[in-house]
């Protein structure tokens, strides 16, 4: 009976530890934002760069090339921020209907509000995937999220 109690206690302790670790790591997996801004309607990242108006009156532009956006091939990301100072830019790529793993590259500052960097999207086994590319701007003490959606496959 004491051995069974020990095993049950160990399992309960393991579940509690998993819960604590999950809680501590959740900001990495689910980006938190102070402000979420909708992009301009009708934009297609497969054809053109997409824009969004920022709360401070500034403007953000996201471009992914080559077009159409490929999977399992290098993609060049470019974000332009006008009308506000930005400390850092990340883009969180997440599958809308299916978890596709953690993919949140940090872009490098290229001067004058320009941020660039490479990434690669994984292949979806179904061949068709809806992605959400959430641009995360860090501006002083505020984090702004701008979600853009596109489909591959």
N, C-alpha and C. Protein backbone atom coordinates (compact mmCIF):
# COMPACT_ATOMS: atom_id res chain seq x y z
N UNK A 1 0.81 -1.19 0.00
CA UNK A 1 0.00 0.00 0.00
C UNK A 1 0.86 1.26 0.00
N UNK A 2 1.98 1.29 0.72
CA UNK A 2 2.84 2.47 0.77
C UNK A 2 3.54 2.71 -0.56
N UNK A 3 3.85 1.62 -1.27
CA UNK A 3 4.48 1.79 -2.59
C UNK A 3 3.50 2.43 -3.56
N UNK A 4 2.25 2.03 -3.52
CA UNK A 4 1.21 2.62 -4.36
C UNK A 4 1.01 4.10 -4.03
N UNK A 5 1.06 4.44 -2.78
CA UNK A 5 0.94 5.83 -2.35
C UNK A 5 2.12 6.65 -2.86
N UNK A 6 3.31 6.08 -2.81
CA UNK A 6 4.51 6.76 -3.30
C UNK A 6 4.41 7.02 -4.81
N UNK A 7 3.96 6.02 -5.57
CA UNK A 7 3.82 6.18 -7.02
C UNK A 7 2.77 7.24 -7.34
N UNK A 8 1.63 7.20 -6.63
CA UNK A 8 0.59 8.20 -6.86
C UNK A 8 1.10 9.61 -6.52
N UNK A 9 1.83 9.74 -5.44
CA UNK A 9 2.39 11.04 -5.05
C UNK A 9 3.37 11.55 -6.09
N UNK A 10 4.21 10.65 -6.62
CA UNK A 10 5.18 11.04 -7.65
C UNK A 10 4.47 11.51 -8.92
N UNK A 11 3.39 10.83 -9.31
CA UNK A 11 2.64 11.23 -10.49
C UNK A 11 1.98 12.59 -10.29
N UNK A 12 1.41 12.81 -9.12
CA UNK A 12 0.79 14.11 -8.84
C UNK A 12 1.84 15.22 -8.87
N UNK A 13 2.98 14.97 -8.27
CA UNK A 13 4.07 15.95 -8.28
C UNK A 13 4.54 16.24 -9.70
N UNK A 14 4.67 15.20 -10.52
CA UNK A 14 5.09 15.38 -11.92
C UNK A 14 4.07 16.24 -12.68
N UNK A 15 2.77 16.00 -12.47
CA UNK A 15 1.74 16.79 -13.15
C UNK A 15 1.79 18.25 -12.71
N UNK A 16 2.02 18.48 -11.44
CA UNK A 16 2.13 19.85 -10.93
C UNK A 16 3.33 20.55 -11.56
N UNK A 17 4.47 19.85 -11.63
CA UNK A 17 5.67 20.44 -12.25
C UNK A 17 5.45 20.74 -13.73
N UNK A 18 4.78 19.85 -14.44
CA UNK A 18 4.48 20.09 -15.86
C UNK A 18 3.60 21.33 -16.01
N UNK A 19 2.62 21.47 -15.13
CA UNK A 19 1.75 22.65 -15.16
C UNK A 19 2.51 23.93 -14.91
N UNK A 20 3.43 23.93 -13.95
CA UNK A 20 4.22 25.12 -13.63
C UNK A 20 5.14 25.48 -14.80
N UNK A 21 5.81 24.49 -15.38
CA UNK A 21 6.70 24.75 -16.52
C UNK A 21 5.89 25.28 -17.70
N UNK A 22 4.72 24.70 -17.97
CA UNK A 22 3.87 25.18 -19.05
C UNK A 22 3.43 26.61 -18.84
N UNK A 23 3.08 26.95 -17.61
CA UNK A 23 2.67 28.32 -17.30
C UNK A 23 3.82 29.30 -17.51
N UNK A 24 5.01 28.92 -17.08
CA UNK A 24 6.17 29.80 -17.22
C UNK A 24 6.59 29.98 -18.67
N UNK A 25 6.43 28.94 -19.50
CA UNK A 25 6.84 29.00 -20.91
C UNK A 25 5.74 29.52 -21.83
N UNK A 26 4.52 29.68 -21.35
CA UNK A 26 3.42 30.10 -22.24
C UNK A 26 3.66 31.43 -22.94
N UNK A 27 4.33 32.44 -22.34
CA UNK A 27 4.58 33.66 -23.10
C UNK A 27 5.45 33.43 -24.34
N UNK A 28 6.31 32.41 -24.30
CA UNK A 28 7.13 32.12 -25.48
C UNK A 28 6.28 31.54 -26.60
N UNK A 29 5.32 30.68 -26.24
CA UNK A 29 4.53 30.00 -27.25
C UNK A 29 3.34 30.83 -27.73
N UNK A 30 2.78 31.64 -26.86
CA UNK A 30 1.64 32.48 -27.22
C UNK A 30 2.04 33.93 -27.00
N UNK A 31 2.36 34.64 -28.07
CA UNK A 31 2.85 36.01 -27.90
C UNK A 31 1.83 36.92 -27.23
N UNK A 32 2.28 37.63 -26.21
CA UNK A 32 1.44 38.59 -25.50
C UNK A 32 1.64 39.96 -26.15
N UNK A 33 0.57 40.74 -26.18
CA UNK A 33 0.66 42.08 -26.76
C UNK A 33 -0.18 43.03 -25.93
N UNK A 34 0.29 44.27 -25.84
CA UNK A 34 -0.48 45.31 -25.17
C UNK A 34 -1.58 45.81 -26.09
N UNK A 35 -1.29 45.84 -27.40
CA UNK A 35 -2.24 46.35 -28.40
C UNK A 35 -2.19 45.42 -29.60
N UNK A 36 -3.36 45.02 -30.12
CA UNK A 36 -3.43 44.24 -31.36
C UNK A 36 -4.12 45.10 -32.40
N UNK A 37 -3.47 45.21 -33.57
CA UNK A 37 -3.96 46.07 -34.65
C UNK A 37 -4.30 45.21 -35.86
N UNK A 38 -5.43 45.46 -36.47
CA UNK A 38 -5.84 44.71 -37.66
C UNK A 38 -5.16 45.29 -38.90
N UNK A 39 -4.72 44.41 -39.81
CA UNK A 39 -4.15 44.91 -41.07
C UNK A 39 -5.24 45.47 -41.97
N UNK A 40 -4.82 46.20 -43.00
CA UNK A 40 -5.78 46.72 -43.98
C UNK A 40 -6.48 45.55 -44.67
N UNK A 41 -7.75 45.70 -44.91
CA UNK A 41 -8.57 44.64 -45.51
C UNK A 41 -8.16 44.38 -46.95
N UNK A 42 -8.30 43.13 -47.37
CA UNK A 42 -8.13 42.77 -48.76
C UNK A 42 -6.70 42.58 -49.24
N UNK A 43 -5.74 42.60 -48.35
CA UNK A 43 -4.37 42.44 -48.79
C UNK A 43 -4.03 40.97 -48.98
N UNK A 44 -3.24 40.66 -49.99
CA UNK A 44 -2.80 39.31 -50.28
C UNK A 44 -1.27 39.29 -50.29
N UNK A 45 -0.66 38.71 -49.24
CA UNK A 45 0.80 38.67 -49.14
C UNK A 45 1.45 37.89 -50.28
N UNK A 46 0.68 37.04 -50.98
CA UNK A 46 1.21 36.32 -52.14
C UNK A 46 1.46 37.25 -53.33
N UNK A 47 0.80 38.43 -53.32
CA UNK A 47 0.89 39.34 -54.46
C UNK A 47 1.61 40.64 -54.14
N UNK A 48 1.40 41.20 -52.94
CA UNK A 48 1.95 42.52 -52.60
C UNK A 48 2.32 42.57 -51.13
N UNK A 49 3.09 43.57 -50.74
CA UNK A 49 3.27 43.83 -49.31
C UNK A 49 1.93 44.24 -48.70
N UNK A 50 1.76 44.00 -47.39
CA UNK A 50 0.53 44.37 -46.70
C UNK A 50 0.83 45.41 -45.63
N UNK A 51 -0.16 46.25 -45.35
CA UNK A 51 0.04 47.38 -44.43
C UNK A 51 -0.96 47.36 -43.28
N UNK A 52 -0.60 48.07 -42.23
CA UNK A 52 -1.51 48.28 -41.09
C UNK A 52 -1.19 49.64 -40.49
N UNK A 53 -2.23 50.33 -40.06
CA UNK A 53 -2.05 51.60 -39.36
C UNK A 53 -1.81 51.29 -37.88
N UNK A 54 -0.80 51.93 -37.30
CA UNK A 54 -0.44 51.70 -35.90
C UNK A 54 -1.14 52.70 -35.00
N UNK A 55 -1.31 52.37 -33.71
CA UNK A 55 -2.08 53.24 -32.81
C UNK A 55 -1.49 54.64 -32.66
N UNK A 56 -0.20 54.79 -32.84
CA UNK A 56 0.44 56.09 -32.67
C UNK A 56 0.30 56.96 -33.92
N UNK A 57 -0.36 56.44 -34.95
CA UNK A 57 -0.46 57.17 -36.21
C UNK A 57 0.58 56.73 -37.21
N UNK A 58 1.44 55.82 -36.81
CA UNK A 58 2.46 55.29 -37.72
C UNK A 58 1.88 54.23 -38.63
N UNK A 59 2.74 53.66 -39.46
CA UNK A 59 2.31 52.64 -40.41
C UNK A 59 3.33 51.51 -40.47
N UNK A 60 2.84 50.28 -40.55
CA UNK A 60 3.69 49.10 -40.67
C UNK A 60 3.43 48.46 -42.03
N UNK A 61 4.49 47.99 -42.68
CA UNK A 61 4.38 47.27 -43.95
C UNK A 61 5.13 45.96 -43.81
N UNK A 62 4.49 44.85 -44.18
CA UNK A 62 5.10 43.52 -44.17
C UNK A 62 5.20 43.00 -45.59
N UNK A 63 6.39 42.50 -45.93
CA UNK A 63 6.61 41.90 -47.24
C UNK A 63 7.30 40.55 -47.06
N UNK A 64 6.77 39.51 -47.71
CA UNK A 64 7.38 38.19 -47.74
C UNK A 64 7.69 37.85 -49.18
N UNK A 65 8.93 37.51 -49.47
CA UNK A 65 9.32 37.14 -50.85
C UNK A 65 10.14 35.85 -50.79
N UNK A 66 10.08 35.05 -51.84
CA UNK A 66 9.45 35.27 -53.14
C UNK A 66 7.93 35.14 -53.06
N UNK A 67 7.30 35.55 -54.14
CA UNK A 67 5.85 35.46 -54.27
C UNK A 67 5.52 34.55 -55.44
N UNK A 68 4.58 33.65 -55.29
CA UNK A 68 3.82 33.34 -54.10
C UNK A 68 4.73 32.75 -53.01
N UNK A 69 4.26 32.81 -51.78
CA UNK A 69 5.05 32.39 -50.62
C UNK A 69 5.21 30.87 -50.65
N UNK A 70 6.45 30.38 -50.68
CA UNK A 70 6.68 28.93 -50.75
C UNK A 70 6.78 28.29 -49.36
N UNK A 71 6.71 26.98 -49.31
CA UNK A 71 7.02 26.23 -48.10
C UNK A 71 8.30 25.45 -48.35
N UNK A 72 9.02 25.16 -47.29
CA UNK A 72 10.27 24.39 -47.33
C UNK A 72 11.33 25.04 -48.22
N UNK A 73 11.24 26.34 -48.41
CA UNK A 73 12.23 27.11 -49.16
C UNK A 73 12.48 28.42 -48.41
N UNK A 74 13.65 29.02 -48.58
CA UNK A 74 13.94 30.27 -47.88
C UNK A 74 12.96 31.38 -48.28
N UNK A 75 12.54 32.13 -47.26
CA UNK A 75 11.66 33.28 -47.44
C UNK A 75 12.37 34.48 -46.84
N UNK A 76 12.36 35.58 -47.54
CA UNK A 76 12.94 36.82 -47.03
C UNK A 76 11.81 37.68 -46.48
N UNK A 77 11.94 38.05 -45.21
CA UNK A 77 10.93 38.88 -44.54
C UNK A 77 11.45 40.31 -44.45
N UNK A 78 10.56 41.27 -44.67
CA UNK A 78 10.92 42.68 -44.51
C UNK A 78 9.75 43.41 -43.86
N UNK A 79 10.07 44.14 -42.80
CA UNK A 79 9.07 44.96 -42.11
C UNK A 79 9.57 46.39 -42.11
N UNK A 80 8.69 47.30 -42.50
CA UNK A 80 8.99 48.73 -42.48
C UNK A 80 8.05 49.38 -41.49
N UNK A 81 8.62 50.18 -40.57
CA UNK A 81 7.82 50.88 -39.58
C UNK A 81 8.06 52.38 -39.77
N UNK A 82 6.99 53.10 -40.07
CA UNK A 82 7.07 54.55 -40.27
C UNK A 82 6.29 55.26 -39.18
N UNK A 83 6.80 56.38 -38.71
CA UNK A 83 6.07 57.23 -37.78
C UNK A 83 6.18 56.85 -36.33
N UNK A 84 7.05 55.90 -35.99
CA UNK A 84 7.27 55.56 -34.59
C UNK A 84 8.60 54.83 -34.43
N UNK A 85 9.17 54.92 -33.25
CA UNK A 85 10.43 54.26 -32.96
C UNK A 85 10.15 52.82 -32.53
N UNK A 86 10.92 51.88 -33.05
CA UNK A 86 10.74 50.46 -32.75
C UNK A 86 12.05 49.88 -32.27
N UNK A 87 12.01 49.21 -31.11
CA UNK A 87 13.23 48.59 -30.55
C UNK A 87 13.55 47.26 -31.21
N UNK A 88 12.53 46.42 -31.44
CA UNK A 88 12.77 45.12 -32.06
C UNK A 88 11.51 44.66 -32.78
N UNK A 89 11.72 43.75 -33.75
CA UNK A 89 10.62 43.18 -34.53
C UNK A 89 10.81 41.67 -34.62
N UNK A 90 9.75 40.94 -34.31
CA UNK A 90 9.70 39.50 -34.50
C UNK A 90 8.47 39.19 -35.32
N UNK A 91 8.50 38.04 -36.02
CA UNK A 91 7.30 37.57 -36.71
C UNK A 91 7.04 36.15 -36.23
N UNK A 92 5.86 35.96 -35.65
CA UNK A 92 5.45 34.65 -35.15
C UNK A 92 4.58 33.97 -36.20
N UNK A 93 5.11 32.89 -36.79
CA UNK A 93 4.36 32.12 -37.78
C UNK A 93 3.68 30.96 -37.07
N UNK A 94 2.35 30.90 -37.17
CA UNK A 94 1.60 29.83 -36.51
C UNK A 94 0.55 29.29 -37.47
N UNK A 95 0.38 27.98 -37.46
CA UNK A 95 -0.69 27.37 -38.24
C UNK A 95 -2.02 27.69 -37.58
N UNK A 96 -3.00 28.10 -38.38
CA UNK A 96 -4.32 28.46 -37.82
C UNK A 96 -5.09 27.21 -37.43
N UNK A 97 -5.07 26.18 -38.27
CA UNK A 97 -5.85 24.97 -38.02
C UNK A 97 -5.03 23.81 -37.49
N UNK A 98 -3.71 23.94 -37.48
CA UNK A 98 -2.84 22.85 -37.06
C UNK A 98 -1.56 23.42 -36.46
N UNK A 99 -1.13 22.88 -35.34
CA UNK A 99 0.13 23.32 -34.74
C UNK A 99 1.29 22.92 -35.64
N UNK A 100 2.13 23.87 -35.97
CA UNK A 100 3.25 23.61 -36.88
C UNK A 100 4.61 23.86 -36.23
N UNK A 101 4.65 23.92 -34.92
CA UNK A 101 5.91 24.13 -34.22
C UNK A 101 6.19 25.60 -34.01
N UNK A 102 7.19 25.86 -33.19
CA UNK A 102 7.58 27.23 -32.85
C UNK A 102 8.41 27.82 -33.98
N UNK A 103 7.98 28.95 -34.52
CA UNK A 103 8.70 29.62 -35.60
C UNK A 103 8.50 31.13 -35.40
N UNK A 104 9.42 31.76 -34.64
CA UNK A 104 9.32 33.19 -34.37
C UNK A 104 10.70 33.84 -34.52
N UNK A 105 11.11 34.09 -35.76
CA UNK A 105 12.41 34.74 -35.96
C UNK A 105 12.39 36.21 -35.57
N UNK A 106 13.54 36.68 -35.09
CA UNK A 106 13.75 38.10 -34.80
C UNK A 106 14.41 38.72 -36.01
N UNK A 107 13.86 39.80 -36.52
CA UNK A 107 14.43 40.47 -37.68
C UNK A 107 15.54 41.42 -37.24
N UNK A 108 16.49 41.65 -38.15
CA UNK A 108 17.60 42.55 -37.86
C UNK A 108 17.30 43.95 -38.37
N UNK A 109 17.67 44.94 -37.57
CA UNK A 109 17.47 46.33 -37.98
C UNK A 109 18.37 46.64 -39.17
N UNK A 110 17.78 47.26 -40.20
CA UNK A 110 18.53 47.62 -41.40
C UNK A 110 18.56 49.13 -41.58
N UNK A 111 18.19 49.89 -40.53
CA UNK A 111 18.21 51.34 -40.60
C UNK A 111 16.91 51.94 -41.08
N UNK A 112 16.61 53.14 -40.64
CA UNK A 112 15.45 53.92 -41.06
C UNK A 112 14.13 53.16 -40.91
N UNK A 113 13.95 52.44 -39.80
CA UNK A 113 12.70 51.74 -39.56
C UNK A 113 12.53 50.47 -40.36
N UNK A 114 13.61 49.98 -40.99
CA UNK A 114 13.55 48.76 -41.79
C UNK A 114 14.11 47.59 -40.97
N UNK A 115 13.44 46.43 -41.03
CA UNK A 115 13.87 45.22 -40.35
C UNK A 115 13.77 44.06 -41.33
N UNK A 116 14.81 43.23 -41.41
CA UNK A 116 14.83 42.15 -42.39
C UNK A 116 15.35 40.86 -41.76
N UNK A 117 15.04 39.75 -42.41
CA UNK A 117 15.55 38.46 -41.96
C UNK A 117 14.97 37.32 -42.78
N UNK A 118 15.62 36.15 -42.67
CA UNK A 118 15.14 34.97 -43.40
C UNK A 118 14.31 34.04 -42.49
N UNK A 119 13.50 33.21 -43.11
CA UNK A 119 12.82 32.13 -42.41
C UNK A 119 12.45 31.07 -43.44
N UNK A 120 11.93 29.96 -42.97
CA UNK A 120 11.42 28.89 -43.83
C UNK A 120 10.17 28.34 -43.16
N UNK A 121 9.11 28.18 -43.93
CA UNK A 121 7.88 27.58 -43.40
C UNK A 121 7.93 26.08 -43.60
N UNK A 122 7.53 25.29 -42.59
CA UNK A 122 7.53 23.84 -42.76
C UNK A 122 6.40 23.39 -43.69
N UNK A 123 6.56 22.21 -44.23
CA UNK A 123 5.55 21.62 -45.12
C UNK A 123 4.45 21.01 -44.27
N UNK A 124 3.21 21.26 -44.65
CA UNK A 124 2.06 20.65 -43.98
C UNK A 124 1.74 19.34 -44.68
N UNK A 125 1.47 18.29 -43.92
CA UNK A 125 1.20 16.99 -44.51
C UNK A 125 -0.05 16.98 -45.38
N UNK A 126 -0.98 17.90 -45.12
CA UNK A 126 -2.19 17.97 -45.94
C UNK A 126 -1.95 18.72 -47.25
N UNK A 127 -0.82 19.45 -47.32
CA UNK A 127 -0.51 20.21 -48.52
C UNK A 127 -1.13 21.59 -48.55
N UNK A 128 -2.13 21.84 -47.73
CA UNK A 128 -2.86 23.12 -47.70
C UNK A 128 -2.82 23.64 -46.27
N UNK A 129 -2.35 24.88 -46.07
CA UNK A 129 -2.19 25.38 -44.71
C UNK A 129 -2.54 26.86 -44.64
N UNK A 130 -3.35 27.24 -43.65
CA UNK A 130 -3.61 28.65 -43.37
C UNK A 130 -2.65 29.07 -42.27
N UNK A 131 -1.88 30.11 -42.55
CA UNK A 131 -0.88 30.63 -41.62
C UNK A 131 -1.31 31.98 -41.07
N UNK A 132 -0.90 32.25 -39.84
CA UNK A 132 -1.01 33.59 -39.29
C UNK A 132 0.40 34.06 -38.98
N UNK A 133 0.82 35.12 -39.65
CA UNK A 133 2.12 35.74 -39.41
C UNK A 133 1.86 36.98 -38.56
N UNK A 134 2.15 36.88 -37.26
CA UNK A 134 1.90 38.00 -36.35
C UNK A 134 3.19 38.79 -36.18
N UNK A 135 3.18 40.02 -36.68
CA UNK A 135 4.34 40.91 -36.51
C UNK A 135 4.26 41.47 -35.09
N UNK A 136 5.34 41.29 -34.33
CA UNK A 136 5.41 41.76 -32.95
C UNK A 136 6.42 42.89 -32.86
N UNK A 137 5.93 44.09 -32.60
CA UNK A 137 6.79 45.27 -32.46
C UNK A 137 7.00 45.57 -30.98
N UNK A 138 8.24 45.73 -30.58
CA UNK A 138 8.55 46.18 -29.22
C UNK A 138 8.94 47.65 -29.31
N UNK A 139 8.15 48.51 -28.67
CA UNK A 139 8.39 49.95 -28.71
C UNK A 139 8.47 50.46 -27.28
N UNK A 140 9.65 50.55 -26.73
CA UNK A 140 9.79 50.98 -25.34
C UNK A 140 9.14 49.98 -24.41
N UNK A 141 8.07 50.37 -23.74
CA UNK A 141 7.39 49.47 -22.81
C UNK A 141 6.12 48.85 -23.41
N UNK A 142 5.85 49.10 -24.68
CA UNK A 142 4.63 48.61 -25.32
C UNK A 142 4.95 47.56 -26.37
N UNK A 143 4.13 46.50 -26.44
CA UNK A 143 4.27 45.47 -27.46
C UNK A 143 3.02 45.49 -28.33
N UNK A 144 3.22 45.68 -29.63
CA UNK A 144 2.11 45.78 -30.58
C UNK A 144 2.14 44.54 -31.46
N UNK A 145 0.98 43.90 -31.64
CA UNK A 145 0.85 42.72 -32.49
C UNK A 145 -0.02 43.07 -33.70
N UNK A 146 0.45 42.65 -34.88
CA UNK A 146 -0.33 42.84 -36.11
C UNK A 146 -0.39 41.50 -36.83
N UNK A 147 -1.56 40.83 -36.80
CA UNK A 147 -1.68 39.50 -37.43
C UNK A 147 -2.08 39.59 -38.90
N UNK A 148 -1.32 38.88 -39.74
CA UNK A 148 -1.61 38.78 -41.17
C UNK A 148 -1.87 37.31 -41.48
N UNK A 149 -2.87 37.00 -42.29
CA UNK A 149 -3.16 35.61 -42.67
C UNK A 149 -2.90 35.39 -44.15
N UNK A 150 -2.43 34.15 -44.45
CA UNK A 150 -2.24 33.73 -45.83
C UNK A 150 -2.31 32.22 -45.89
N UNK A 151 -2.51 31.69 -47.08
CA UNK A 151 -2.66 30.25 -47.28
C UNK A 151 -1.55 29.76 -48.19
N UNK A 152 -0.98 28.59 -47.85
CA UNK A 152 0.02 27.97 -48.72
C UNK A 152 -0.53 26.61 -49.18
N UNK A 153 0.03 26.13 -50.28
CA UNK A 153 -0.33 24.79 -50.75
C UNK A 153 -1.29 24.78 -51.88
